[in-house]
Amino acid sequence: MKHNTKHPMILAGLLGTALVSSTQAATVLTGSGLANNVDLPSDFASFEAGTPNIGLTWSATGGAWQAYNGWPTGGEVFQMDTAATGDVYSVVFTPDSGFNVVLSSLDINIWAGGNDFDIDWSVVGASSGSLGSGTANALDGQVTGINFGDLTGTGSEQVTMTLTIGSTAGIGSYLAMDNLSFDQVAAVPEPSSALLAAAGLGALAMRRRRK
């Protein structure tokens, strides 16, 4: 008996399918082209060409995000000005309705002579709560990568990435972030009860045809 192969395709269309996000981030921020030692605008890099549906808000307590274009281990970077123990630096990602934020990775840069820093990081969704957290030990004069593993918000929620300076024996402004990589994907709406009912009826009809 021949099986009708059209119905599974119709059911998949009714239920909706998620767009697959690339592991390569659509936007990678490097601090390129910014004025040296100047505080970043709070909305810097909002709605970039690669992520046109994501707005950014840069904030900090105890210091400020600054651009620096002569960093020894990274060139043009986002400097964490003052960089004292307990300082909190954050970037808030706000997607347009119908889109979700995907956080991929970033680099922590330490200027030689600034000694070592421990960085506590966290990614939190406004409605889903903690998406991930960890601690990175950034070594003097080196670049330390933090891989978020494509942490993804849900339901068009706002996502906040926070970097907290856990401890430092160094000097203020000897710490920076580079290569902040993020992406966006289309949010998939929950299937309505009507669509689920239609899917169930379709499956029942297929079973009857096979008998």
Protein backbone atom coordinates (compact mmCIF):
# COMPACT_ATOMS: atom_id res chain seq x y z
CA MET A 1 0.00 0.00 0.00
CA LYS A 2 1.37 3.45 -0.94
CA HIS A 3 1.83 5.95 1.85
CA ASN A 4 0.71 9.50 1.33
CA THR A 5 3.82 11.63 1.95
CA LYS A 6 2.10 15.00 1.63
CA HIS A 7 0.44 15.09 5.04
CA PRO A 8 3.65 15.17 7.16
CA MET A 9 4.79 18.23 5.19
CA ILE A 10 1.44 19.93 5.77
CA LEU A 11 1.58 19.14 9.49
CA ALA A 12 5.10 20.54 9.77
CA GLY A 13 3.92 23.73 8.10
CA LEU A 14 0.98 24.03 10.51
CA LEU A 15 3.13 23.58 13.59
CA GLY A 16 5.90 25.88 12.38
CA THR A 17 9.62 25.20 12.16
CA ALA A 18 12.49 27.04 13.85
CA LEU A 19 15.07 28.84 11.79
CA VAL A 20 18.48 27.27 12.30
CA SER A 21 21.06 29.76 13.52
CA SER A 22 24.59 29.71 12.20
CA THR A 23 27.43 29.03 14.62
CA GLN A 24 29.14 32.03 13.04
CA ALA A 25 27.88 35.20 14.72
CA ALA A 26 26.26 37.77 12.47
CA THR A 27 27.87 40.68 14.36
CA VAL A 28 31.37 40.82 15.87
CA LEU A 29 32.24 44.06 17.70
CA THR A 30 35.90 45.04 17.94
CA GLY A 31 35.86 48.73 18.88
CA SER A 32 37.10 49.63 15.40
CA GLY A 33 36.95 53.27 14.35
CA LEU A 34 35.99 54.73 17.74
CA ALA A 35 37.60 57.73 19.40
CA ASN A 36 40.34 56.82 21.87
CA ASN A 37 39.60 56.94 25.63
CA VAL A 38 36.04 58.16 25.07
CA ASP A 39 33.03 56.65 26.84
CA LEU A 40 30.84 54.55 24.57
CA PRO A 41 27.38 55.82 23.67
CA SER A 42 24.86 53.80 25.68
CA ASP A 43 23.24 52.55 22.45
CA PHE A 44 26.48 51.73 20.63
CA ALA A 45 26.18 49.03 17.93
CA SER A 46 22.40 48.88 18.07
CA PHE A 47 20.68 47.45 14.99
CA GLU A 48 23.86 46.57 13.11
CA ALA A 49 23.63 45.29 9.53
CA GLY A 50 24.17 41.69 10.65
CA THR A 51 21.68 41.97 13.51
CA PRO A 52 19.19 44.65 12.40
CA ASN A 53 16.58 43.66 14.99
CA ILE A 54 18.70 43.90 18.16
CA GLY A 55 19.29 47.05 20.19
CA LEU A 56 22.15 47.28 22.71
CA THR A 57 22.51 49.17 25.98
CA TRP A 58 26.01 49.49 27.49
CA SER A 59 26.14 50.14 31.23
CA ALA A 60 28.53 49.82 34.16
CA THR A 61 28.82 50.45 37.87
CA GLY A 62 32.02 51.89 39.29
CA GLY A 63 33.44 52.67 35.84
CA ALA A 64 32.51 53.06 32.20
CA TRP A 65 32.90 51.30 28.87
CA GLN A 66 35.48 53.14 26.77
CA ALA A 67 37.00 52.63 23.36
CA TYR A 68 40.77 52.23 23.23
CA ASN A 69 42.58 51.89 19.92
CA GLY A 70 46.13 51.02 20.94
CA TRP A 71 45.74 47.98 23.18
CA PRO A 72 48.95 45.89 23.13
CA THR A 73 47.21 42.50 23.04
CA GLY A 74 44.21 43.46 20.92
CA GLY A 75 44.45 46.78 19.09
CA GLU A 76 40.98 48.35 19.13
CA VAL A 77 39.01 47.14 22.15
CA PHE A 78 36.32 48.05 24.67
CA GLN A 79 38.19 49.12 27.79
CA MET A 80 36.65 48.59 31.22
CA ASP A 81 37.62 51.90 32.73
CA THR A 82 38.83 51.83 36.38
CA ALA A 83 38.48 48.00 36.53
CA ALA A 84 38.33 47.62 40.32
CA THR A 85 37.23 44.57 42.29
CA GLY A 86 33.44 44.34 42.32
CA ASP A 87 32.90 46.60 39.31
CA VAL A 88 30.05 45.38 37.12
CA TYR A 89 29.99 45.91 33.35
CA SER A 90 26.96 44.85 31.33
CA VAL A 91 25.52 44.87 27.84
CA VAL A 92 21.75 44.50 27.45
CA PHE A 93 20.43 43.05 24.18
CA THR A 94 16.84 43.99 23.33
CA PRO A 95 15.37 42.23 20.28
CA ASP A 96 12.45 43.46 18.22
CA SER A 97 9.25 41.48 18.56
CA GLY A 98 9.55 38.23 16.65
CA PHE A 99 13.31 37.82 17.13
CA ASN A 100 15.59 36.18 19.70
CA VAL A 101 19.14 37.06 20.77
CA VAL A 102 21.97 34.53 20.38
CA LEU A 103 25.21 35.19 22.33
CA SER A 104 28.27 33.41 20.95
CA SER A 105 31.56 34.54 22.53
CA LEU A 106 33.91 37.33 23.54
CA ASP A 107 37.58 37.88 24.41
CA ILE A 108 38.97 39.36 27.62
CA ASN A 109 42.22 41.27 27.09
CA ILE A 110 44.78 42.04 29.82
CA TRP A 111 47.44 44.67 29.31
CA ALA A 112 50.91 43.42 30.29
CA GLY A 113 51.75 44.97 33.64
CA GLY A 114 48.19 44.85 34.93
CA ASN A 115 48.53 41.42 36.58
CA ASP A 116 45.73 38.80 36.60
CA PHE A 117 41.97 39.30 36.79
CA ASP A 118 39.15 36.91 37.66
CA ILE A 119 36.01 37.69 35.66
CA ASP A 120 32.61 36.32 36.66
CA TRP A 121 30.20 36.31 33.73
CA SER A 122 26.49 35.66 33.48
CA VAL A 123 23.81 35.73 30.78
CA VAL A 124 20.24 36.24 31.96
CA GLY A 125 16.96 36.31 30.03
CA ALA A 126 14.29 38.72 31.24
CA SER A 127 11.65 35.99 31.42
CA SER A 128 13.60 32.72 31.25
CA GLY A 129 16.15 33.59 33.97
CA SER A 130 19.74 32.33 33.95
CA LEU A 131 20.93 31.13 30.55
CA GLY A 132 24.52 30.54 31.63
CA SER A 133 27.33 31.68 33.96
CA GLY A 134 30.95 31.01 34.77
CA THR A 135 34.34 32.42 35.78
CA ALA A 136 37.30 33.20 33.54
CA ASN A 137 40.84 33.78 34.76
CA ALA A 138 42.40 36.40 32.52
CA LEU A 139 46.20 36.23 32.62
CA ASP A 140 48.63 39.12 32.50
CA GLY A 141 49.47 40.13 28.93
CA GLN A 142 47.22 37.52 27.31
CA VAL A 143 43.85 37.19 25.61
CA THR A 144 41.29 34.88 27.26
CA GLY A 145 38.31 33.68 25.25
CA ILE A 146 34.86 33.10 26.74
CA ASN A 147 32.65 30.81 24.65
CA PHE A 148 28.95 31.15 25.48
CA GLY A 149 28.01 28.25 23.21
CA ASP A 150 25.28 30.23 21.41
CA LEU A 151 23.12 31.00 24.46
CA THR A 152 19.72 31.94 23.08
CA GLY A 153 16.87 33.98 24.52
CA THR A 154 13.27 32.92 24.03
CA GLY A 155 10.02 34.68 23.28
CA SER A 156 11.70 37.92 22.10
CA GLU A 157 13.02 38.48 25.64
CA GLN A 158 15.65 41.00 26.65
CA VAL A 159 19.01 39.33 27.39
CA THR A 160 21.64 40.82 29.73
CA MET A 161 25.31 39.86 29.61
CA THR A 162 27.17 40.84 32.79
CA LEU A 163 30.91 40.87 33.49
CA THR A 164 31.87 41.28 37.16
CA ILE A 165 35.46 41.78 38.25
CA GLY A 166 35.87 39.17 40.97
CA SER A 167 39.43 40.01 41.96
CA THR A 168 42.40 41.93 40.65
CA ALA A 169 45.94 42.72 41.67
CA GLY A 170 46.24 45.05 38.71
CA ILE A 171 45.70 48.66 37.83
CA GLY A 172 42.47 50.29 36.73
CA SER A 173 41.89 50.37 32.96
CA TYR A 174 44.19 47.41 32.32
CA LEU A 175 41.24 45.21 31.41
CA ALA A 176 39.27 45.18 28.15
CA MET A 177 36.75 43.20 26.12
CA ASP A 178 37.09 42.42 22.43
CA ASN A 179 35.34 40.42 19.68
CA LEU A 180 31.88 40.44 21.22
CA SER A 181 29.99 38.04 18.93
CA PHE A 182 26.22 37.72 18.74
CA ASP A 183 23.44 36.84 16.33
CA GLN A 184 19.68 36.88 15.96
CA VAL A 185 17.14 34.23 14.97
CA ALA A 186 13.43 34.41 14.26
CA ALA A 187 11.30 33.60 17.30
CA VAL A 188 8.95 30.68 16.69
CA PRO A 189 5.44 31.33 18.05
CA GLU A 190 3.73 28.66 20.11
CA PRO A 191 1.31 26.65 17.97
CA SER A 192 -2.32 27.56 18.67
CA SER A 193 -4.80 25.03 19.96
CA ALA A 194 -6.59 25.17 16.62
CA LEU A 195 -3.42 24.18 14.77
CA LEU A 196 -2.74 21.37 17.23
CA ALA A 197 -6.30 20.12 16.76
CA ALA A 198 -5.88 20.22 12.98
CA ALA A 199 -2.63 18.30 13.28
CA GLY A 200 -4.33 15.67 15.41
CA LEU A 201 -7.17 15.26 12.92
CA GLY A 202 -4.67 14.97 10.09
CA ALA A 203 -2.77 12.24 11.91
CA LEU A 204 -6.03 10.38 12.63
CA ALA A 205 -7.02 10.59 8.96
CA MET A 206 -3.65 9.14 7.93
CA ARG A 207 -4.12 6.18 10.31
CA ARG A 208 -7.56 5.44 8.89
CA ARG A 209 -6.23 5.46 5.32
CA ARG A 210 -3.57 2.90 6.20
CA LYS A 211 -6.17 0.40 7.49
